[in-house]
C-alpha cells in the first residue's frame, strides 16, 4: 500500500505522463528476482514473491524517499525501506532492498554517489518535487511515547526493527525502551544560532540545491516549533532482534548525522561539581 507521500508523487508523475525510469525499474527488478545467483542469494530471493503491483509500489517508495530527503546515505535509505521487503529475516530485507536500490539507480531514477571524502555513499535524485506530504512520523514528540507493554500493536507497529514478523513474539527488554523514551531532551539553541547544517554531498545540480534548501527550511521550522513550545521533546526507540536499541527521529535524533547529534542536549541539566 502506498503512503500519502508516495500517492502524491505518483499522482504528480502521472500528470506529467509518467517517467520511463519507473516501468524500466519494475522490469529490471522482476528479472533480478527470477535470476540465477550463488546458492544463498537464490534461497533468499526464492522467499520473496511480490507481484508486479507491489514492485511498482516499492519503486515509488524509493523514489519518494529520495525526493523527500536530499541527504540520505545508502545505509539510511536501506534501513528506512527494508520493511517493505516481504521477508522475515531483517538482514535478508536489508540485503534485498540495497540490491533493489542499486537496480533502480541503473535506470537513472535515483543516483548513487560517494561523498567528496569517500566516507559515505549517498542516494539522491536529479528530479525535484515540492509539496510532498510530510509523514506524521517526522513530527518531533513533545510528550513521551506511550508505555509499551507488547512488542507489537496495531497502533504503534513493531518495536522490533524489521516488522512484526521479525521475532516480535519473543521477549525483548521493553522496560529499557520505556526508560529511554521517558528521557526529556532539549535543543542546543546557541549552537543552532551559530551553525547551520552542511550537506554531505555535492550540490552540483539546481535540483539538489532546491531539495537541500527545502530540507533546511523544514528542519528549522521544526526547531522553532520545539523552542516555542518549551524546548523539551522526546524520542521513541526500537530494538533490533539482537537487542540493540535505536532512536527514531528525522529532524532530531541521537543517532543521526554529526550535526543532528550536536543540537541535542539533556533537558534536565545539572551542574557537575568535583569534590
C-alpha atoms as a PDB file:
ATOM      1  CA  UNK A   1       0.000   0.000   0.000  1.00  0.00           C
ATOM      2  CA  UNK A   2       1.299   3.445  -0.935  1.00  0.00           C
ATOM      3  CA  UNK A   3       1.769   6.072   1.760  1.00  0.00           C
ATOM      4  CA  UNK A   4       0.158   9.504   1.327  1.00  0.00           C
ATOM      5  CA  UNK A   5       3.516  10.898   0.194  1.00  0.00           C
ATOM      6  CA  UNK A   6       4.001   8.103  -2.349  1.00  0.00           C
ATOM      7  CA  UNK A   7       0.449   8.532  -3.659  1.00  0.00           C
ATOM      8  CA  UNK A   8       1.086  12.247  -4.101  1.00  0.00           C
ATOM      9  CA  UNK A   9       4.315  11.623  -6.022  1.00  0.00           C
ATOM     10  CA  UNK A  10       2.604   9.007  -8.217  1.00  0.00           C
ATOM     11  CA  UNK A  11      -0.224  11.448  -8.972  1.00  0.00           C
ATOM     12  CA  UNK A  12       2.231  14.182  -9.973  1.00  0.00           C
ATOM     13  CA  UNK A  13       4.223  11.751 -12.106  1.00  0.00           C
ATOM     14  CA  UNK A  14       1.047  10.656 -13.884  1.00  0.00           C
ATOM     15  CA  UNK A  15       0.143  14.298 -14.574  1.00  0.00           C
ATOM     16  CA  UNK A  16       3.443  14.580 -16.433  1.00  0.00           C
ATOM     17  CA  UNK A  17       2.658  11.482 -18.491  1.00  0.00           C
ATOM     18  CA  UNK A  18       4.850   9.177 -16.394  1.00  0.00           C
ATOM     19  CA  UNK A  19       8.577   8.631 -16.113  1.00  0.00           C
ATOM     20  CA  UNK A  20      10.112   5.869 -18.259  1.00  0.00           C
ATOM     21  CA  UNK A  21      12.575   5.012 -15.487  1.00  0.00           C
ATOM     22  CA  UNK A  22       9.744   3.695 -13.285  1.00  0.00           C
ATOM     23  CA  UNK A  23       8.450   0.880 -15.555  1.00  0.00           C
ATOM     24  CA  UNK A  24      12.054   0.143 -16.535  1.00  0.00           C
ATOM     25  CA  UNK A  25      12.932  -0.281 -12.848  1.00  0.00           C
ATOM     26  CA  UNK A  26       9.966  -2.611 -12.353  1.00  0.00           C
ATOM     27  CA  UNK A  27      11.057  -4.685 -15.341  1.00  0.00           C
ATOM     28  CA  UNK A  28      14.648  -4.961 -14.118  1.00  0.00           C
ATOM     29  CA  UNK A  29      13.564  -5.913 -10.584  1.00  0.00           C
ATOM     30  CA  UNK A  30      11.337  -8.671 -11.969  1.00  0.00           C
ATOM     31  CA  UNK A  31      14.323 -10.039 -13.910  1.00  0.00           C
ATOM     32  CA  UNK A  32      16.511  -9.733 -10.816  1.00  0.00           C
ATOM     33  CA  UNK A  33      14.079 -11.774  -8.703  1.00  0.00           C
ATOM     34  CA  UNK A  34      13.984 -14.534 -11.289  1.00  0.00           C
ATOM     35  CA  UNK A  35      17.741 -14.561 -11.900  1.00  0.00           C
ATOM     36  CA  UNK A  36      20.229 -17.279 -11.006  1.00  0.00           C
ATOM     37  CA  UNK A  37      22.930 -16.417  -8.475  1.00  0.00           C
ATOM     38  CA  UNK A  38      25.005 -18.063  -5.765  1.00  0.00           C
ATOM     39  CA  UNK A  39      23.086 -20.522  -3.504  1.00  0.00           C
ATOM     40  CA  UNK A  40      22.425 -18.269  -0.501  1.00  0.00           C
ATOM     41  CA  UNK A  41      21.133 -15.436  -2.684  1.00  0.00           C
ATOM     42  CA  UNK A  42      18.962 -17.849  -4.643  1.00  0.00           C
ATOM     43  CA  UNK A  43      17.456 -19.108  -1.379  1.00  0.00           C
ATOM     44  CA  UNK A  44      16.862 -15.539  -0.164  1.00  0.00           C
ATOM     45  CA  UNK A  45      15.122 -14.383  -3.327  1.00  0.00           C
ATOM     46  CA  UNK A  46      13.069 -17.576  -3.589  1.00  0.00           C
ATOM     47  CA  UNK A  47      11.301 -16.496  -0.371  1.00  0.00           C
ATOM     48  CA  UNK A  48      10.319 -13.096  -1.810  1.00  0.00           C
ATOM     49  CA  UNK A  49       7.369 -13.291  -4.187  1.00  0.00           C
ATOM     50  CA  UNK A  50       5.997  -9.787  -4.843  1.00  0.00           C
ATOM     51  CA  UNK A  51       3.567  -9.217  -7.686  1.00  0.00           C
ATOM     52  CA  UNK A  52       4.154  -6.512 -10.285  1.00  0.00           C
ATOM     53  CA  UNK A  53       1.983  -4.024  -8.395  1.00  0.00           C
ATOM     54  CA  UNK A  54       3.999  -4.487  -5.204  1.00  0.00           C
ATOM     55  CA  UNK A  55       7.234  -3.966  -7.118  1.00  0.00           C
ATOM     56  CA  UNK A  56       5.862  -0.772  -8.629  1.00  0.00           C
ATOM     57  CA  UNK A  57       4.960   0.446  -5.117  1.00  0.00           C
ATOM     58  CA  UNK A  58       8.483  -0.372  -3.944  1.00  0.00           C
ATOM     59  CA  UNK A  59       9.974   1.703  -6.773  1.00  0.00           C
ATOM     60  CA  UNK A  60       7.668   4.593  -5.840  1.00  0.00           C
ATOM     61  CA  UNK A  61       8.758   4.257  -2.204  1.00  0.00           C
ATOM     62  CA  UNK A  62      12.456   4.536  -3.120  1.00  0.00           C
ATOM     63  CA  UNK A  63      11.766   7.479  -5.442  1.00  0.00           C
ATOM     64  CA  UNK A  64       9.619   9.290  -2.860  1.00  0.00           C
ATOM     65  CA  UNK A  65      12.174   8.899  -0.083  1.00  0.00           C
ATOM     66  CA  UNK A  66      14.938  10.352  -2.245  1.00  0.00           C
ATOM     67  CA  UNK A  67      12.712  13.252  -3.314  1.00  0.00           C
ATOM     68  CA  UNK A  68      11.793  13.997   0.302  1.00  0.00           C
ATOM     69  CA  UNK A  69      15.239  13.516   1.846  1.00  0.00           C
ATOM     70  CA  UNK A  70      18.133  15.143  -0.015  1.00  0.00           C
ATOM     71  CA  UNK A  71      20.881  13.894   2.292  1.00  0.00           C
ATOM     72  CA  UNK A  72      20.324  10.194   2.857  1.00  0.00           C
ATOM     73  CA  UNK A  73      23.097   7.657   2.988  1.00  0.00           C
ATOM     74  CA  UNK A  74      22.715   4.317   1.236  1.00  0.00           C
ATOM     75  CA  UNK A  75      22.639   2.720   4.686  1.00  0.00           C
ATOM     76  CA  UNK A  76      19.891   5.046   5.934  1.00  0.00           C
ATOM     77  CA  UNK A  77      17.544   4.604   2.984  1.00  0.00           C
ATOM     78  CA  UNK A  78      18.048   0.830   3.108  1.00  0.00           C
ATOM     79  CA  UNK A  79      17.125   0.838   6.783  1.00  0.00           C
ATOM     80  CA  UNK A  80      14.070   3.024   6.182  1.00  0.00           C
ATOM     81  CA  UNK A  81      12.673   0.804   3.428  1.00  0.00           C
ATOM     82  CA  UNK A  82      13.810  -2.669   4.481  1.00  0.00           C
ATOM     83  CA  UNK A  83      10.407  -3.364   5.998  1.00  0.00           C
ATOM     84  CA  UNK A  84       8.837  -3.067   2.530  1.00  0.00           C
ATOM     85  CA  UNK A  85      10.574  -6.294   1.519  1.00  0.00           C
ATOM     86  CA  UNK A  86       8.370  -9.288   2.294  1.00  0.00           C
ATOM     87  CA  UNK A  87      10.988 -11.394   4.043  1.00  0.00           C
ATOM     88  CA  UNK A  88      11.031 -12.490   7.686  1.00  0.00           C
ATOM     89  CA  UNK A  89      14.752 -12.038   8.323  1.00  0.00           C
ATOM     90  CA  UNK A  90      15.820  -8.407   8.755  1.00  0.00           C
ATOM     91  CA  UNK A  91      19.317  -8.990   7.337  1.00  0.00           C
ATOM     92  CA  UNK A  92      17.744 -10.531   4.232  1.00  0.00           C
ATOM     93  CA  UNK A  93      15.476  -7.488   3.975  1.00  0.00           C
ATOM     94  CA  UNK A  94      18.459  -5.123   4.145  1.00  0.00           C
ATOM     95  CA  UNK A  95      20.454  -7.057   1.548  1.00  0.00           C
ATOM     96  CA  UNK A  96      17.491  -7.207  -0.819  1.00  0.00           C
ATOM     97  CA  UNK A  97      16.449  -3.548  -0.574  1.00  0.00           C
ATOM     98  CA  UNK A  98      20.083  -2.491  -1.081  1.00  0.00           C
ATOM     99  CA  UNK A  99      20.209  -4.532  -4.285  1.00  0.00           C
ATOM    100  CA  UNK A 100      16.836  -3.132  -5.391  1.00  0.00           C
ATOM    101  CA  UNK A 101      18.027   0.456  -4.879  1.00  0.00           C
ATOM    102  CA  UNK A 102      21.119  -0.282  -6.981  1.00  0.00           C
ATOM    103  CA  UNK A 103      18.901  -1.659  -9.757  1.00  0.00           C
ATOM    104  CA  UNK A 104      16.687   1.443  -9.663  1.00  0.00           C
ATOM    105  CA  UNK A 105      19.809   3.609  -9.820  1.00  0.00           C
ATOM    106  CA  UNK A 106      20.857   1.842 -13.021  1.00  0.00           C
ATOM    107  CA  UNK A 107      17.835   3.450 -14.753  1.00  0.00           C
ATOM    108  CA  UNK A 108      18.710   6.965 -13.567  1.00  0.00           C
ATOM    109  CA  UNK A 109      15.608   7.407 -11.404  1.00  0.00           C
ATOM    110  CA  UNK A 110      17.892   7.754  -8.389  1.00  0.00           C
ATOM    111  CA  UNK A 111      21.621   8.410  -8.215  1.00  0.00           C
ATOM    112  CA  UNK A 112      24.230   6.735  -6.004  1.00  0.00           C
ATOM    113  CA  UNK A 113      27.361   8.774  -5.284  1.00  0.00           C
ATOM    114  CA  UNK A 114      30.225   8.805  -2.821  1.00  0.00           C
ATOM    115  CA  UNK A 115      30.847  11.973  -0.845  1.00  0.00           C
ATOM    116  CA  UNK A 116      33.927  14.021  -1.611  1.00  0.00           C
ATOM    117  CA  UNK A 117      35.848  12.298   1.180  1.00  0.00           C
ATOM    118  CA  UNK A 118      34.509   8.919   0.148  1.00  0.00           C
ATOM    119  CA  UNK A 119      33.325   8.275   3.700  1.00  0.00           C
ATOM    120  CA  UNK A 120      29.663   7.908   2.790  1.00  0.00           C
ATOM    121  CA  UNK A 121      27.651   6.567  -0.123  1.00  0.00           C
ATOM    122  CA  UNK A 122      24.687   8.863  -0.746  1.00  0.00           C
ATOM    123  CA  UNK A 123      21.430   8.242  -2.594  1.00  0.00           C
ATOM    124  CA  UNK A 124      19.721  11.195  -4.283  1.00  0.00           C
ATOM    125  CA  UNK A 125      17.752  12.012  -7.428  1.00  0.00           C
ATOM    126  CA  UNK A 126      18.064  14.538 -10.231  1.00  0.00           C
ATOM    127  CA  UNK A 127      14.295  15.123 -10.050  1.00  0.00           C
ATOM    128  CA  UNK A 128      12.646  17.611  -7.710  1.00  0.00           C
ATOM    129  CA  UNK A 129       9.075  17.948  -6.458  1.00  0.00           C
ATOM    130  CA  UNK A 130       7.570  20.332  -3.911  1.00  0.00           C
ATOM    131  CA  UNK A 131       4.510  19.775  -1.770  1.00  0.00           C
ATOM    132  CA  UNK A 132       5.177  16.163  -0.802  1.00  0.00           C
ATOM    133  CA  UNK A 133       3.118  15.418   2.339  1.00  0.00           C
ATOM    134  CA  UNK A 134       5.377  15.019   5.338  1.00  0.00           C
ATOM    135  CA  UNK A 135       4.706  11.772   7.200  1.00  0.00           C
ATOM    136  CA  UNK A 136       3.487  12.215  10.758  1.00  0.00           C
ATOM    137  CA  UNK A 137       6.455  10.170  11.968  1.00  0.00           C
ATOM    138  CA  UNK A 138       8.615  13.196  11.082  1.00  0.00           C
ATOM    139  CA  UNK A 139       6.905  15.193  13.819  1.00  0.00           C
ATOM    140  CA  UNK A 140       9.029  15.799  16.903  1.00  0.00           C
ATOM    141  CA  UNK A 141       7.455  14.260  20.006  1.00  0.00           C
ATOM    142  CA  UNK A 142       6.561  16.899  22.579  1.00  0.00           C
ATOM    143  CA  UNK A 143       5.275  14.274  25.023  1.00  0.00           C
ATOM    144  CA  UNK A 144       6.784  10.896  25.979  1.00  0.00           C
ATOM    145  CA  UNK A 145       5.666   7.987  23.789  1.00  0.00           C
ATOM    146  CA  UNK A 146       3.143   5.602  25.396  1.00  0.00           C
ATOM    147  CA  UNK A 147       4.484   2.970  27.796  1.00  0.00           C
ATOM    148  CA  UNK A 148       4.863  -0.201  25.768  1.00  0.00           C
ATOM    149  CA  UNK A 149       3.644  -3.495  27.219  1.00  0.00           C
ATOM    150  CA  UNK A 150       3.741  -5.502  23.987  1.00  0.00           C
ATOM    151  CA  UNK A 151       6.292  -5.937  21.227  1.00  0.00           C
ATOM    152  CA  UNK A 152       3.731  -5.130  18.554  1.00  0.00           C
ATOM    153  CA  UNK A 153       0.345  -3.422  18.375  1.00  0.00           C
ATOM    154  CA  UNK A 154      -1.883  -2.218  15.548  1.00  0.00           C
ATOM    155  CA  UNK A 155      -1.410   1.403  16.658  1.00  0.00           C
ATOM    156  CA  UNK A 156       2.328   1.585  17.252  1.00  0.00           C
ATOM    157  CA  UNK A 157       3.545  -1.168  14.938  1.00  0.00           C
ATOM    158  CA  UNK A 158       6.519  -3.334  15.828  1.00  0.00           C
ATOM    159  CA  UNK A 159       9.122  -2.398  18.432  1.00  0.00           C
ATOM    160  CA  UNK A 160      11.481  -4.801  16.639  1.00  0.00           C
ATOM    161  CA  UNK A 161      13.182  -3.338  13.571  1.00  0.00           C
ATOM    162  CA  UNK A 162      12.190  -5.312  10.519  1.00  0.00           C
ATOM    163  CA  UNK A 163       8.499  -5.541  11.244  1.00  0.00           C
ATOM    164  CA  UNK A 164       6.049  -7.565  13.251  1.00  0.00           C
ATOM    165  CA  UNK A 165       7.190 -10.834  11.668  1.00  0.00           C
ATOM    166  CA  UNK A 166      10.811 -10.419  12.802  1.00  0.00           C
ATOM    167  CA  UNK A 167      10.708 -12.407  16.062  1.00  0.00           C
ATOM    168  CA  UNK A 168       8.183  -9.952  17.522  1.00  0.00           C
ATOM    169  CA  UNK A 169       6.671 -12.654  19.728  1.00  0.00           C
ATOM    170  CA  UNK A 170       9.960 -13.222  21.556  1.00  0.00           C
ATOM    171  CA  UNK A 171      10.922 -11.452  24.771  1.00  0.00           C
ATOM    172  CA  UNK A 172      12.576  -8.067  24.397  1.00  0.00           C
ATOM    173  CA  UNK A 173      13.559  -5.533  27.041  1.00  0.00           C
ATOM    174  CA  UNK A 174      10.530  -3.257  26.840  1.00  0.00           C
ATOM    175  CA  UNK A 175      11.358  -1.655  30.189  1.00  0.00           C
ATOM    176  CA  UNK A 176      14.626  -0.400  28.651  1.00  0.00           C
ATOM    177  CA  UNK A 177      12.747   1.089  25.669  1.00  0.00           C
ATOM    178  CA  UNK A 178      10.280   2.738  28.057  1.00  0.00           C
ATOM    179  CA  UNK A 179      13.131   4.199  30.140  1.00  0.00           C
ATOM    180  CA  UNK A 180      14.827   5.592  27.021  1.00  0.00           C
ATOM    181  CA  UNK A 181      11.524   7.020  25.763  1.00  0.00           C
ATOM    182  CA  UNK A 182      10.967   8.852  29.070  1.00  0.00           C
ATOM    183  CA  UNK A 183      14.221  10.868  28.805  1.00  0.00           C
ATOM    184  CA  UNK A 184      13.471  14.551  28.053  1.00  0.00           C
ATOM    185  CA  UNK A 185      15.775  16.302  25.582  1.00  0.00           C
ATOM    186  CA  UNK A 186      16.189  19.914  24.517  1.00  0.00           C
ATOM    187  CA  UNK A 187      17.723  21.712  21.542  1.00  0.00           C
ATOM    188  CA  UNK A 188      21.093  23.417  21.865  1.00  0.00           C
ATOM    189  CA  UNK A 189      19.825  26.840  20.790  1.00  0.00           C
ATOM    190  CA  UNK A 190      23.195  28.674  20.941  1.00  0.00           C
ATOM    191  CA  UNK A 191      24.674  26.007  18.652  1.00  0.00           C
ATOM    192  CA  UNK A 192      21.731  26.281  16.230  1.00  0.00           C
ATOM    193  CA  UNK A 193      22.082  30.071  16.129  1.00  0.00           C
ATOM    194  CA  UNK A 194      25.788  29.848  15.347  1.00  0.00           C
ATOM    195  CA  UNK A 195      25.964  26.914  12.916  1.00  0.00           C
ATOM    196  CA  UNK A 196      23.933  25.617  10.005  1.00  0.00           C
ATOM    197  CA  UNK A 197      23.858  22.038   8.814  1.00  0.00           C
ATOM    198  CA  UNK A 198      26.048  21.447   5.758  1.00  0.00           C
ATOM    199  CA  UNK A 199      25.271  18.861   3.084  1.00  0.00           C
ATOM    200  CA  UNK A 200      27.347  15.709   2.982  1.00  0.00           C
ATOM    201  CA  UNK A 201      27.160  15.549  -0.800  1.00  0.00           C
ATOM    202  CA  UNK A 202      27.864  17.924  -3.679  1.00  0.00           C
ATOM    203  CA  UNK A 203      25.064  20.332  -4.582  1.00  0.00           C
ATOM    204  CA  UNK A 204      26.060  20.047  -8.219  1.00  0.00           C
ATOM    205  CA  UNK A 205      22.616  20.484  -9.803  1.00  0.00           C
ATOM    206  CA  UNK A 206      19.871  23.098  -9.350  1.00  0.00           C
ATOM    207  CA  UNK A 207      17.514  20.302  -8.291  1.00  0.00           C
ATOM    208  CA  UNK A 208      19.817  19.177  -5.479  1.00  0.00           C
ATOM    209  CA  UNK A 209      20.230  22.768  -4.304  1.00  0.00           C
ATOM    210  CA  UNK A 210      16.462  23.212  -4.276  1.00  0.00           C
ATOM    211  CA  UNK A 211      15.861  19.999  -2.326  1.00  0.00           C
ATOM    212  CA  UNK A 212      18.569  20.873   0.196  1.00  0.00           C
ATOM    213  CA  UNK A 213      17.103  24.337   0.766  1.00  0.00           C
ATOM    214  CA  UNK A 214      13.677  22.746   1.330  1.00  0.00           C
ATOM    215  CA  UNK A 215      15.199  20.286   3.799  1.00  0.00           C
ATOM    216  CA  UNK A 216      16.891  23.084   5.764  1.00  0.00           C
ATOM    217  CA  UNK A 217      13.749  25.240   5.832  1.00  0.00           C
ATOM    218  CA  UNK A 218      11.639  22.327   7.049  1.00  0.00           C
ATOM    219  CA  UNK A 219      14.160  21.381   9.730  1.00  0.00           C
ATOM    220  CA  UNK A 220      14.387  24.918  11.115  1.00  0.00           C
ATOM    221  CA  UNK A 221      10.602  25.220  11.199  1.00  0.00           C
ATOM    222  CA  UNK A 222      10.620  22.125  13.412  1.00  0.00           C
ATOM    223  CA  UNK A 223      13.384  23.540  15.622  1.00  0.00           C
ATOM    224  CA  UNK A 224      11.473  26.814  16.073  1.00  0.00           C
ATOM    225  CA  UNK A 225       8.293  24.909  16.884  1.00  0.00           C
ATOM    226  CA  UNK A 226      10.081  22.937  19.611  1.00  0.00           C
ATOM    227  CA  UNK A 227      11.706  26.075  21.060  1.00  0.00           C
ATOM    228  CA  UNK A 228       8.394  27.946  21.157  1.00  0.00           C
ATOM    229  CA  UNK A 229       6.691  25.061  22.970  1.00  0.00           C
ATOM    230  CA  UNK A 230       9.165  24.961  25.842  1.00  0.00           C
ATOM    231  CA  UNK A 231      12.198  23.321  24.205  1.00  0.00           C
ATOM    232  CA  UNK A 232      11.520  19.861  25.624  1.00  0.00           C
ATOM    233  CA  UNK A 233      10.987  16.842  23.407  1.00  0.00           C
ATOM    234  CA  UNK A 234      11.273  13.059  23.448  1.00  0.00           C
ATOM    235  CA  UNK A 235      12.482  10.292  21.152  1.00  0.00           C
ATOM    236  CA  UNK A 236      10.848   6.937  20.501  1.00  0.00           C
ATOM    237  CA  UNK A 237      13.123   3.889  20.353  1.00  0.00           C
ATOM    238  CA  UNK A 238      13.096   0.412  18.840  1.00  0.00           C
ATOM    239  CA  UNK A 239      15.158  -2.729  19.328  1.00  0.00           C
ATOM    240  CA  UNK A 240      16.574  -4.954  16.654  1.00  0.00           C
ATOM    241  CA  UNK A 241      16.286  -8.708  17.088  1.00  0.00           C
ATOM    242  CA  UNK A 242      19.729  -8.782  18.765  1.00  0.00           C
ATOM    243  CA  UNK A 243      18.569  -6.390  21.476  1.00  0.00           C
ATOM    244  CA  UNK A 244      20.357  -3.254  20.241  1.00  0.00           C
ATOM    245  CA  UNK A 245      18.351  -0.040  20.732  1.00  0.00           C
ATOM    246  CA  UNK A 246      17.916   2.583  18.006  1.00  0.00           C
ATOM    247  CA  UNK A 247      16.392   6.069  18.277  1.00  0.00           C
ATOM    248  CA  UNK A 248      13.722   7.139  15.830  1.00  0.00           C
ATOM    249  CA  UNK A 249      13.647  10.688  14.538  1.00  0.00           C
ATOM    250  CA  UNK A 250      14.236  12.544  11.280  1.00  0.00           C
ATOM    251  CA  UNK A 251      14.775  16.200  12.188  1.00  0.00           C
ATOM    252  CA  UNK A 252      16.366  15.336  15.547  1.00  0.00           C
ATOM    253  CA  UNK A 253      17.976  12.072  16.613  1.00  0.00           C
ATOM    254  CA  UNK A 254      20.740  10.951  18.928  1.00  0.00           C
ATOM    255  CA  UNK A 255      21.820   8.587  16.160  1.00  0.00           C
ATOM    256  CA  UNK A 256      21.590  10.938  13.193  1.00  0.00           C
ATOM    257  CA  UNK A 257      24.331  12.929  11.468  1.00  0.00           C
ATOM    258  CA  UNK A 258      27.035  14.691  13.465  1.00  0.00           C
ATOM    259  CA  UNK A 259      25.038  17.929  13.236  1.00  0.00           C
ATOM    260  CA  UNK A 260      21.836  16.238  14.434  1.00  0.00           C
ATOM    261  CA  UNK A 261      23.692  14.804  17.423  1.00  0.00           C
ATOM    262  CA  UNK A 262      25.290  18.152  18.254  1.00  0.00           C
ATOM    263  CA  UNK A 263      21.974  20.017  18.506  1.00  0.00           C
ATOM    264  CA  UNK A 264      20.581  17.669  21.203  1.00  0.00           C
ATOM    265  CA  UNK A 265      21.092  18.122  24.938  1.00  0.00           C
ATOM    266  CA  UNK A 266      19.518  16.544  28.010  1.00  0.00           C
ATOM    267  CA  UNK A 267      16.653  18.774  29.137  1.00  0.00           C
ATOM    268  CA  UNK A 268      17.245  18.189  32.855  1.00  0.00           C
ATOM    269  CA  UNK A 269      20.725  19.710  33.032  1.00  0.00           C
ATOM    270  CA  UNK A 270      22.700  19.659  36.254  1.00  0.00           C
ATOM    271  CA  UNK A 271      25.998  21.251  37.272  1.00  0.00           C
ATOM    272  CA  UNK A 272      28.601  18.595  37.998  1.00  0.00           C
ATOM    273  CA  UNK A 273      30.894  19.655  40.824  1.00  0.00           C
ATOM    274  CA  UNK A 274      34.149  17.979  41.753  1.00  0.00           C
ATOM    275  CA  UNK A 275      34.774  17.461  45.473  1.00  0.00           C
END
